[in-house]
Amino acid sequence: MLLNSGADLSPPVRGRGDELLALYIHWPFCVSKCPYCDFNSHVREGVDVAQWQAALLVDMAHEAALLPGRELGSIFFGGGTPSLMPPALVQSLIEQAARHWRFSDDIEITLEANPSSVESARFADLALAGVNRVSLGLQALDDDVLAFLGRAHSVTEALAALAIAQDRFARVSFDLIYARPGQSLADWERELTRALGFGTGHLSLYQLTIEPGTRFETLVRRGDLVPADDDHSADLFDLTRQITAGAGVPAYEISNHACIGEQSRHNLTYWRYGDYAGIGPGAHGRRGAMATERHRKPENFLSAIVRNGNGLSVERPLDPETQAMEALLMGLRLAEGLDLERVAARAGVPQSALIDDAAAQRLTRIGLLERDGARITVTPQGMPVLDAILADLVAIEPAATA
């Protein structure tokens, strides 16, 4: 049976304009670059906050004009390190979003934060600004590991920040990185069990991956860093699922775990292939059948704002086949799976064209897939090999271009 973190919350089949919109705001600046990070983050000696406030407001207004009359279900401040943003800037952006769109009654407003004492001192003001959910980048509960990961905080500092966050915000999540070099099953079991004891309703648990262009990739190439092998990583993944399920915080997505009702509504918009506006350097968006992307380099983003009245570098129409493929690739990450009827209706393609039925039957026989009418789900046994399942199962391909 699939691990289930609550009732099926999948939205019904209906027009995209009737569903809740999500807003992503990217703050690209960090104090330093972590050796595993390939996110769009930049280190600068100084940041002109007034200039950035004006630029982000202009960028938001551009998206709002193209998505009028929508109801906003979530805002997510990502980065970079959004907890470096002055609370007044965060408040200004939230207030402007409320002028552009209707807020849902239970709107989720998340901000990613580093658990340093400097940044946690801003938590009270961030809560007053309208943030009601914080995601903390703890990453590890061992000081030596934190140093290896290039993190500037200590475990003591992180746990103090977590306590402040739990006092100030209605909902709190934090990240941990596992499958680190030399990490045993027993090591991870102790660390994860300790983490679950802190009582947060949501955990993001990511395996360490070696991303191109990072410091860690250079070390691996030189032979100075040996990543965990695939078999050991799979064992760690299975252990993670067992421990979190037993603690009442089961996986609802391949790397995300939550108590009932604590799932990230913002990220569910991505995984369920809803509309989301993305503003700020490097931010991606999905505006109906349009893919959007902003300039990645902060200086190029600012120049585009002055030149064009928005930060866009890419605005690309998506053909129905691409929309259907993206919806499948995202939705099958979820423990709830997806409804093929909904995918076909929204993309405007035949349901029969979405998946390879022979592959689906084969994957079902060996326990990697479950199918109930139009709903398909990858089982917990299938999640460790999700990429291989997707390559075998997804039949639809983007339309050929001239």
Foldseek 3Di string as FASTA:
>chain_A
DFQDQADDPFDDQDALQADAAEEEEEDAEACDDWQQDPFLHDHDPDDDLVLVLVQQLLQVVVVLVLNAAHEHQEYEYYYHAQLVRQLVSLLSVVVSVVVSYPYDPNRAYEYEHELAPVSLVCLQSNVVSPHAEYEYAPAFQQQVVCVVRVHPDHNVSNVVSVVSNVVRHPAYEYEYEDQAPPQALVNVVVGVVVVVVVPGFKYFYHYRDRDPPGNVVVCVVVVNGDTRDLVRVVVSQVSVQVVCVVSQFHAFFSGMTGHRPRDDPNVVCQLQVHFYHYADAQTWTDSQQKIWGFHSDRVQQSVCCVVPSHRTPDIGGAQLLRQLLSNQLRQQRGSQADFLVSSCSSSVHDSVQFWDVVLQVVCVVVQQWDDDPRGIYGHSVNSSVVVVSSVHIGRGDGDDDD
